[in-house]
Amino acid sequence: MIHFIRTDSDNKFFQALVRELDADLKIRDGEDHSFYSQFNKIDKIKYAIIAFDDEMPVGCGAIKELSNEAMEVKRMYVPLVRRGQGIAGKILKELENWAYELSYTKCLLETGKKQPEAIALYKKNGYQIIPNYGQYENVENSICFEKILNE
């Protein structure tokens, strides 16, 4: 059974999963990887979630404050061998719940156009495409999403 722990970026399981994520993104992003990686540092993430199946970490995600009302979803990852089991959707919901508990009203995120699984996940979970924000504003390979949070 999948269960979650709430932690921060100092957690060794979170760090290991993010290393796997970064290796995957380096391949997908190609020459754009160094641009994106500058926005994906994890040294100051206060809100990270790890999904476990018994004692085995099977996915992660994080949120960080973007504004007084919005959290940004970051570092979503489920290893390839565990995909298709609904783990990512559960992590996303847990992150949304945490943001809501912290009195944020929406979640925003950026993903790459070369990540069709992520795009499908966010659309399936009620995220709407919005104009690219912040550092992604004029980035052709980025797609940004928003979801208004409510109970």
N, C-alpha and C. Protein backbone atom coordinates (compact mmCIF):
# COMPACT_ATOMS: atom_id res chain seq x y z
N MET A 1 0.84 -1.19 0.00
CA MET A 1 0.00 0.00 0.00
C MET A 1 0.88 1.25 0.00
N ILE A 2 0.50 2.23 -0.80
CA ILE A 2 1.26 3.47 -0.91
C ILE A 2 0.95 4.37 0.28
N HIS A 3 2.00 4.89 0.91
CA HIS A 3 1.85 5.89 1.95
C HIS A 3 2.88 7.00 1.71
N PHE A 4 2.67 8.13 2.35
CA PHE A 4 3.49 9.31 2.10
C PHE A 4 4.16 9.79 3.37
N ILE A 5 5.32 10.40 3.19
CA ILE A 5 5.91 11.18 4.27
C ILE A 5 6.12 12.59 3.75
N ARG A 6 5.87 13.53 4.62
CA ARG A 6 6.15 14.93 4.33
C ARG A 6 7.51 15.24 4.93
N THR A 7 8.35 15.87 4.14
CA THR A 7 9.72 16.11 4.55
C THR A 7 10.22 17.37 3.87
N ASP A 8 11.52 17.48 3.72
CA ASP A 8 12.11 18.60 2.99
C ASP A 8 13.24 18.06 2.10
N SER A 9 13.95 18.96 1.46
CA SER A 9 14.95 18.52 0.49
C SER A 9 16.20 17.91 1.11
N ASP A 10 16.30 17.87 2.41
CA ASP A 10 17.43 17.20 3.06
C ASP A 10 17.24 15.69 3.12
N ASN A 11 16.05 15.19 2.83
CA ASN A 11 15.76 13.76 2.94
C ASN A 11 16.54 12.97 1.89
N LYS A 12 17.23 11.94 2.33
CA LYS A 12 18.09 11.16 1.42
C LYS A 12 17.29 10.44 0.33
N PHE A 13 16.07 10.00 0.63
CA PHE A 13 15.25 9.34 -0.39
C PHE A 13 14.80 10.35 -1.45
N PHE A 14 14.42 11.53 -1.01
CA PHE A 14 14.04 12.59 -1.95
C PHE A 14 15.22 12.91 -2.86
N GLN A 15 16.40 13.07 -2.29
CA GLN A 15 17.59 13.40 -3.08
C GLN A 15 17.91 12.31 -4.10
N ALA A 16 17.76 11.05 -3.71
CA ALA A 16 18.04 9.94 -4.63
C ALA A 16 17.05 9.93 -5.79
N LEU A 17 15.77 10.13 -5.50
CA LEU A 17 14.76 10.17 -6.56
C LEU A 17 14.99 11.36 -7.50
N VAL A 18 15.38 12.50 -6.96
CA VAL A 18 15.64 13.67 -7.79
C VAL A 18 16.85 13.44 -8.69
N ARG A 19 17.84 12.71 -8.23
CA ARG A 19 18.98 12.38 -9.10
C ARG A 19 18.50 11.55 -10.30
N GLU A 20 17.60 10.59 -10.04
CA GLU A 20 17.02 9.80 -11.15
C GLU A 20 16.24 10.70 -12.10
N LEU A 21 15.44 11.61 -11.55
CA LEU A 21 14.68 12.55 -12.35
C LEU A 21 15.60 13.39 -13.23
N ASP A 22 16.66 13.94 -12.64
CA ASP A 22 17.58 14.78 -13.39
C ASP A 22 18.26 14.02 -14.52
N ALA A 23 18.59 12.75 -14.28
CA ALA A 23 19.19 11.93 -15.34
C ALA A 23 18.22 11.75 -16.50
N ASP A 24 16.95 11.53 -16.19
CA ASP A 24 15.92 11.39 -17.22
C ASP A 24 15.74 12.70 -17.98
N LEU A 25 15.67 13.81 -17.25
CA LEU A 25 15.46 15.11 -17.88
C LEU A 25 16.65 15.52 -18.76
N LYS A 26 17.84 15.13 -18.37
CA LYS A 26 19.02 15.46 -19.18
C LYS A 26 18.89 14.87 -20.58
N ILE A 27 18.35 13.66 -20.65
CA ILE A 27 18.13 13.01 -21.95
C ILE A 27 16.99 13.70 -22.70
N ARG A 28 15.87 13.91 -22.03
CA ARG A 28 14.69 14.50 -22.69
C ARG A 28 14.94 15.93 -23.14
N ASP A 29 15.58 16.72 -22.28
CA ASP A 29 15.76 18.14 -22.57
C ASP A 29 16.88 18.40 -23.58
N GLY A 30 17.82 17.50 -23.69
CA GLY A 30 18.93 17.69 -24.61
C GLY A 30 19.68 18.96 -24.31
N GLU A 31 19.88 19.78 -25.34
CA GLU A 31 20.67 21.00 -25.19
C GLU A 31 20.01 22.04 -24.31
N ASP A 32 18.71 21.90 -24.01
CA ASP A 32 18.02 22.84 -23.13
C ASP A 32 18.18 22.50 -21.65
N HIS A 33 18.82 21.37 -21.34
CA HIS A 33 18.87 20.89 -19.96
C HIS A 33 19.52 21.90 -19.00
N SER A 34 20.61 22.51 -19.40
CA SER A 34 21.28 23.43 -18.47
C SER A 34 20.41 24.64 -18.16
N PHE A 35 19.61 25.09 -19.12
CA PHE A 35 18.68 26.20 -18.85
C PHE A 35 17.68 25.79 -17.78
N TYR A 36 17.03 24.64 -17.96
CA TYR A 36 16.00 24.21 -17.02
C TYR A 36 16.58 23.85 -15.65
N SER A 37 17.75 23.24 -15.63
CA SER A 37 18.30 22.76 -14.35
C SER A 37 18.58 23.89 -13.38
N GLN A 38 18.82 25.10 -13.88
CA GLN A 38 19.07 26.22 -12.97
C GLN A 38 17.85 26.55 -12.11
N PHE A 39 16.66 26.14 -12.55
CA PHE A 39 15.43 26.43 -11.81
C PHE A 39 14.98 25.24 -10.96
N ASN A 40 15.76 24.18 -10.95
CA ASN A 40 15.35 22.94 -10.27
C ASN A 40 16.28 22.55 -9.13
N LYS A 41 16.93 23.52 -8.54
CA LYS A 41 17.77 23.25 -7.37
C LYS A 41 16.88 22.84 -6.20
N ILE A 42 17.37 21.93 -5.38
CA ILE A 42 16.52 21.44 -4.29
C ILE A 42 17.05 21.81 -2.91
N ASP A 43 18.08 22.63 -2.83
CA ASP A 43 18.70 22.88 -1.53
C ASP A 43 17.84 23.66 -0.55
N LYS A 44 16.78 24.30 -1.03
CA LYS A 44 15.97 25.10 -0.10
C LYS A 44 14.50 24.72 -0.14
N ILE A 45 14.18 23.52 -0.53
CA ILE A 45 12.78 23.11 -0.59
C ILE A 45 12.32 22.70 0.80
N LYS A 46 11.29 23.38 1.30
CA LYS A 46 10.76 23.10 2.64
C LYS A 46 9.65 22.05 2.62
N TYR A 47 9.02 21.86 1.46
CA TYR A 47 7.85 20.99 1.38
C TYR A 47 8.05 19.92 0.30
N ALA A 48 8.49 18.76 0.72
CA ALA A 48 8.69 17.65 -0.21
C ALA A 48 7.91 16.44 0.29
N ILE A 49 7.44 15.65 -0.66
CA ILE A 49 6.69 14.44 -0.33
C ILE A 49 7.37 13.25 -1.00
N ILE A 50 7.45 12.16 -0.26
CA ILE A 50 7.95 10.92 -0.82
C ILE A 50 6.86 9.88 -0.67
N ALA A 51 6.60 9.17 -1.76
CA ALA A 51 5.66 8.05 -1.73
C ALA A 51 6.44 6.77 -1.48
N PHE A 52 5.92 5.95 -0.59
CA PHE A 52 6.55 4.68 -0.27
C PHE A 52 5.56 3.55 -0.52
N ASP A 53 6.09 2.44 -1.00
CA ASP A 53 5.36 1.18 -1.06
C ASP A 53 6.07 0.28 -0.06
N ASP A 54 5.45 0.06 1.08
CA ASP A 54 6.13 -0.52 2.24
C ASP A 54 7.32 0.38 2.58
N GLU A 55 8.54 -0.14 2.49
CA GLU A 55 9.72 0.66 2.83
C GLU A 55 10.43 1.21 1.60
N MET A 56 9.91 0.93 0.41
CA MET A 56 10.58 1.32 -0.84
C MET A 56 10.05 2.66 -1.35
N PRO A 57 10.93 3.66 -1.54
CA PRO A 57 10.48 4.93 -2.11
C PRO A 57 10.13 4.73 -3.59
N VAL A 58 8.92 5.18 -3.97
CA VAL A 58 8.43 4.94 -5.33
C VAL A 58 8.02 6.22 -6.05
N GLY A 59 8.34 7.37 -5.47
CA GLY A 59 8.02 8.62 -6.14
C GLY A 59 8.18 9.80 -5.21
N CYS A 60 8.22 10.98 -5.82
CA CYS A 60 8.37 12.20 -5.02
C CYS A 60 7.76 13.39 -5.75
N GLY A 61 7.64 14.46 -5.01
CA GLY A 61 7.19 15.74 -5.53
C GLY A 61 7.44 16.79 -4.47
N ALA A 62 7.34 18.05 -4.87
CA ALA A 62 7.58 19.13 -3.91
C ALA A 62 6.76 20.34 -4.32
N ILE A 63 6.60 21.24 -3.36
CA ILE A 63 5.99 22.54 -3.62
C ILE A 63 6.87 23.61 -3.02
N LYS A 64 6.88 24.76 -3.68
CA LYS A 64 7.58 25.92 -3.10
C LYS A 64 6.75 27.15 -3.35
N GLU A 65 6.85 28.09 -2.43
CA GLU A 65 6.05 29.31 -2.53
C GLU A 65 6.44 30.11 -3.75
N LEU A 66 5.44 30.47 -4.54
CA LEU A 66 5.64 31.30 -5.72
C LEU A 66 5.13 32.72 -5.46
N SER A 67 4.05 32.81 -4.67
CA SER A 67 3.48 34.11 -4.28
C SER A 67 2.69 33.87 -3.00
N ASN A 68 2.04 34.92 -2.50
CA ASN A 68 1.24 34.77 -1.28
C ASN A 68 0.08 33.81 -1.45
N GLU A 69 -0.39 33.62 -2.69
CA GLU A 69 -1.52 32.72 -2.89
C GLU A 69 -1.18 31.44 -3.66
N ALA A 70 0.03 31.36 -4.22
CA ALA A 70 0.34 30.22 -5.10
C ALA A 70 1.59 29.45 -4.67
N MET A 71 1.47 28.15 -4.76
CA MET A 71 2.60 27.25 -4.61
C MET A 71 2.94 26.71 -6.00
N GLU A 72 4.21 26.48 -6.24
CA GLU A 72 4.66 25.90 -7.49
C GLU A 72 5.00 24.43 -7.26
N VAL A 73 4.44 23.56 -8.07
CA VAL A 73 4.73 22.13 -7.99
C VAL A 73 6.06 21.89 -8.69
N LYS A 74 6.96 21.19 -8.00
CA LYS A 74 8.30 20.94 -8.51
C LYS A 74 8.68 19.48 -8.30
N ARG A 75 9.65 19.02 -9.04
CA ARG A 75 10.36 17.76 -8.81
C ARG A 75 9.47 16.53 -8.71
N MET A 76 8.44 16.50 -9.53
CA MET A 76 7.55 15.34 -9.61
C MET A 76 8.27 14.21 -10.34
N TYR A 77 8.29 13.02 -9.71
CA TYR A 77 8.98 11.90 -10.34
C TYR A 77 8.49 10.57 -9.78
N VAL A 78 8.27 9.64 -10.70
CA VAL A 78 8.01 8.24 -10.37
C VAL A 78 8.91 7.41 -11.29
N PRO A 79 9.71 6.49 -10.73
CA PRO A 79 10.58 5.67 -11.58
C PRO A 79 9.79 4.90 -12.64
N LEU A 80 10.40 4.71 -13.78
CA LEU A 80 9.75 4.07 -14.92
C LEU A 80 9.07 2.76 -14.55
N VAL A 81 9.70 1.94 -13.73
CA VAL A 81 9.13 0.63 -13.39
C VAL A 81 7.88 0.73 -12.53
N ARG A 82 7.59 1.90 -11.97
CA ARG A 82 6.41 2.08 -11.11
C ARG A 82 5.34 2.96 -11.76
N ARG A 83 5.57 3.39 -13.00
CA ARG A 83 4.60 4.24 -13.67
C ARG A 83 3.37 3.43 -14.09
N GLY A 84 2.25 4.14 -14.26
CA GLY A 84 1.01 3.50 -14.67
C GLY A 84 0.24 2.89 -13.51
N GLN A 85 0.64 3.19 -12.28
CA GLN A 85 -0.02 2.63 -11.10
C GLN A 85 -0.76 3.71 -10.30
N GLY A 86 -0.82 4.92 -10.83
CA GLY A 86 -1.53 5.99 -10.14
C GLY A 86 -0.74 6.70 -9.06
N ILE A 87 0.53 6.39 -8.94
CA ILE A 87 1.35 6.97 -7.87
C ILE A 87 1.52 8.48 -8.06
N ALA A 88 1.81 8.91 -9.27
CA ALA A 88 2.03 10.34 -9.52
C ALA A 88 0.79 11.17 -9.19
N GLY A 89 -0.38 10.66 -9.55
CA GLY A 89 -1.62 11.37 -9.24
C GLY A 89 -1.83 11.49 -7.74
N LYS A 90 -1.47 10.45 -7.00
CA LYS A 90 -1.61 10.49 -5.54
C LYS A 90 -0.62 11.48 -4.93
N ILE A 91 0.60 11.51 -5.45
CA ILE A 91 1.59 12.48 -4.96
C ILE A 91 1.09 13.90 -5.22
N LEU A 92 0.59 14.13 -6.42
CA LEU A 92 0.09 15.45 -6.79
C LEU A 92 -1.04 15.88 -5.86
N LYS A 93 -1.96 14.99 -5.59
CA LYS A 93 -3.09 15.31 -4.70
C LYS A 93 -2.58 15.62 -3.28
N GLU A 94 -1.60 14.87 -2.82
CA GLU A 94 -1.03 15.11 -1.49
C GLU A 94 -0.35 16.49 -1.44
N LEU A 95 0.34 16.86 -2.52
CA LEU A 95 0.95 18.19 -2.58
C LEU A 95 -0.10 19.29 -2.57
N GLU A 96 -1.17 19.08 -3.33
CA GLU A 96 -2.28 20.06 -3.35
C GLU A 96 -2.90 20.20 -1.97
N ASN A 97 -3.12 19.08 -1.29
CA ASN A 97 -3.69 19.12 0.07
C ASN A 97 -2.79 19.91 1.01
N TRP A 98 -1.49 19.68 0.90
CA TRP A 98 -0.53 20.36 1.76
C TRP A 98 -0.57 21.87 1.48
N ALA A 99 -0.57 22.25 0.21
CA ALA A 99 -0.64 23.67 -0.16
C ALA A 99 -1.91 24.30 0.41
N TYR A 100 -3.02 23.60 0.28
CA TYR A 100 -4.30 24.09 0.79
C TYR A 100 -4.25 24.25 2.31
N GLU A 101 -3.67 23.27 3.01
CA GLU A 101 -3.53 23.35 4.47
C GLU A 101 -2.70 24.56 4.88
N LEU A 102 -1.75 24.95 4.01
CA LEU A 102 -0.89 26.10 4.29
C LEU A 102 -1.54 27.42 3.83
N SER A 103 -2.81 27.36 3.43
CA SER A 103 -3.63 28.52 3.04
C SER A 103 -3.31 29.10 1.66
N TYR A 104 -2.75 28.29 0.79
CA TYR A 104 -2.55 28.74 -0.59
C TYR A 104 -3.81 28.39 -1.38
N THR A 105 -4.10 29.20 -2.40
CA THR A 105 -5.34 29.02 -3.14
C THR A 105 -5.15 28.38 -4.52
N LYS A 106 -3.91 28.27 -4.96
CA LYS A 106 -3.68 27.64 -6.25
C LYS A 106 -2.28 27.06 -6.34
N CYS A 107 -2.16 26.11 -7.27
CA CYS A 107 -0.86 25.53 -7.60
C CYS A 107 -0.57 25.84 -9.06
N LEU A 108 0.65 26.22 -9.34
CA LEU A 108 1.13 26.44 -10.69
C LEU A 108 2.30 25.50 -10.93
N LEU A 109 2.59 25.26 -12.19
CA LEU A 109 3.74 24.44 -12.51
C LEU A 109 4.15 24.64 -13.95
N GLU A 110 5.38 24.25 -14.22
CA GLU A 110 5.92 24.24 -15.57
C GLU A 110 6.40 22.83 -15.86
N THR A 111 6.17 22.39 -17.08
CA THR A 111 6.73 21.13 -17.54
C THR A 111 7.18 21.32 -18.97
N GLY A 112 7.94 20.37 -19.47
CA GLY A 112 8.44 20.47 -20.83
C GLY A 112 7.51 19.83 -21.84
N LYS A 113 7.48 20.39 -23.03
CA LYS A 113 6.67 19.82 -24.10
C LYS A 113 7.15 18.42 -24.48
N LYS A 114 8.39 18.06 -24.08
CA LYS A 114 8.94 16.74 -24.36
C LYS A 114 8.60 15.73 -23.26
N GLN A 115 7.65 16.10 -22.39
CA GLN A 115 7.23 15.22 -21.29
C GLN A 115 5.74 14.95 -21.40
N PRO A 116 5.32 14.17 -22.40
CA PRO A 116 3.89 13.94 -22.62
C PRO A 116 3.19 13.26 -21.44
N GLU A 117 3.90 12.41 -20.69
CA GLU A 117 3.29 11.76 -19.53
C GLU A 117 2.92 12.79 -18.47
N ALA A 118 3.80 13.76 -18.26
CA ALA A 118 3.52 14.81 -17.27
C ALA A 118 2.35 15.68 -17.71
N ILE A 119 2.34 16.05 -18.97
CA ILE A 119 1.24 16.88 -19.50
C ILE A 119 -0.09 16.15 -19.31
N ALA A 120 -0.12 14.87 -19.63
CA ALA A 120 -1.35 14.08 -19.46
C ALA A 120 -1.76 14.00 -17.99
N LEU A 121 -0.79 13.82 -17.10
CA LEU A 121 -1.08 13.75 -15.67
C LEU A 121 -1.74 15.04 -15.19
N TYR A 122 -1.18 16.17 -15.55
CA TYR A 122 -1.72 17.43 -15.05
C TYR A 122 -3.10 17.71 -15.62
N LYS A 123 -3.30 17.45 -16.89
CA LYS A 123 -4.63 17.64 -17.48
C LYS A 123 -5.65 16.72 -16.82
N LYS A 124 -5.28 15.47 -16.58
CA LYS A 124 -6.18 14.50 -15.95
C LYS A 124 -6.58 14.94 -14.54
N ASN A 125 -5.69 15.69 -13.88
CA ASN A 125 -5.93 16.11 -12.50
C ASN A 125 -6.44 17.54 -12.37
N GLY A 126 -7.01 18.07 -13.45
CA GLY A 126 -7.71 19.34 -13.36
C GLY A 126 -6.87 20.59 -13.55
N TYR A 127 -5.64 20.44 -14.02
CA TYR A 127 -4.81 21.62 -14.29
C TYR A 127 -5.16 22.18 -15.66
N GLN A 128 -5.17 23.52 -15.74
CA GLN A 128 -5.47 24.22 -16.98
C GLN A 128 -4.20 24.88 -17.52
N ILE A 129 -4.03 24.82 -18.81
CA ILE A 129 -2.88 25.48 -19.44
C ILE A 129 -3.05 27.00 -19.29
N ILE A 130 -1.97 27.65 -18.89
CA ILE A 130 -1.94 29.11 -18.74
C ILE A 130 -0.75 29.66 -19.53
N PRO A 131 -0.72 30.97 -19.74
CA PRO A 131 0.47 31.55 -20.38
C PRO A 131 1.70 31.26 -19.52
N ASN A 132 2.82 31.03 -20.17
CA ASN A 132 4.06 30.76 -19.44
C ASN A 132 4.37 31.92 -18.51
N TYR A 133 4.78 31.62 -17.30
CA TYR A 133 5.03 32.63 -16.27
C TYR A 133 6.51 32.70 -15.93
N GLY A 134 6.87 33.81 -15.29
CA GLY A 134 8.21 33.98 -14.74
C GLY A 134 9.31 33.68 -15.74
N GLN A 135 10.28 32.89 -15.30
CA GLN A 135 11.44 32.58 -16.12
C GLN A 135 11.10 31.76 -17.36
N TYR A 136 9.89 31.22 -17.43
CA TYR A 136 9.48 30.40 -18.57
C TYR A 136 8.72 31.20 -19.62
N GLU A 137 8.55 32.49 -19.39
CA GLU A 137 7.67 33.32 -20.22
C GLU A 137 7.91 33.20 -21.72
N ASN A 138 9.12 33.23 -22.16
CA ASN A 138 9.41 33.17 -23.59
C ASN A 138 10.11 31.87 -24.00
N VAL A 139 9.89 30.83 -23.22
CA VAL A 139 10.55 29.55 -23.49
C VAL A 139 9.62 28.67 -24.32
N GLU A 140 10.02 28.40 -25.53
CA GLU A 140 9.20 27.67 -26.49
C GLU A 140 8.88 26.24 -26.04
N ASN A 141 9.81 25.58 -25.36
CA ASN A 141 9.62 24.17 -24.99
C ASN A 141 8.93 23.98 -23.64
N SER A 142 8.50 25.07 -23.02
CA SER A 142 7.80 24.99 -21.73
C SER A 142 6.29 25.10 -21.93
N ILE A 143 5.58 24.44 -21.03
CA ILE A 143 4.12 24.58 -20.96
C ILE A 143 3.77 24.73 -19.48
N CYS A 144 2.96 25.73 -19.17
CA CYS A 144 2.63 26.03 -17.78
C CYS A 144 1.16 25.73 -17.50
N PHE A 145 0.90 25.34 -16.25
CA PHE A 145 -0.43 24.95 -15.81
C PHE A 145 -0.77 25.62 -14.49
N GLU A 146 -2.09 25.67 -14.22
CA GLU A 146 -2.58 26.22 -12.96
C GLU A 146 -3.80 25.40 -12.52
N LYS A 147 -3.94 25.26 -11.22
CA LYS A 147 -5.14 24.65 -10.66
C LYS A 147 -5.55 25.44 -9.43
N ILE A 148 -6.80 25.84 -9.38
CA ILE A 148 -7.36 26.51 -8.21
C ILE A 148 -7.69 25.43 -7.18
N LEU A 149 -7.23 25.64 -5.97
CA LEU A 149 -7.42 24.65 -4.91
C LEU A 149 -8.70 24.90 -4.14
N ASN A 150 -9.40 23.84 -3.84
CA ASN A 150 -10.54 23.87 -2.94
C ASN A 150 -10.67 22.49 -2.32
N GLU A 151 -11.39 22.41 -1.23
CA GLU A 151 -11.51 21.13 -0.54
C GLU A 151 -12.01 20.13 -1.49
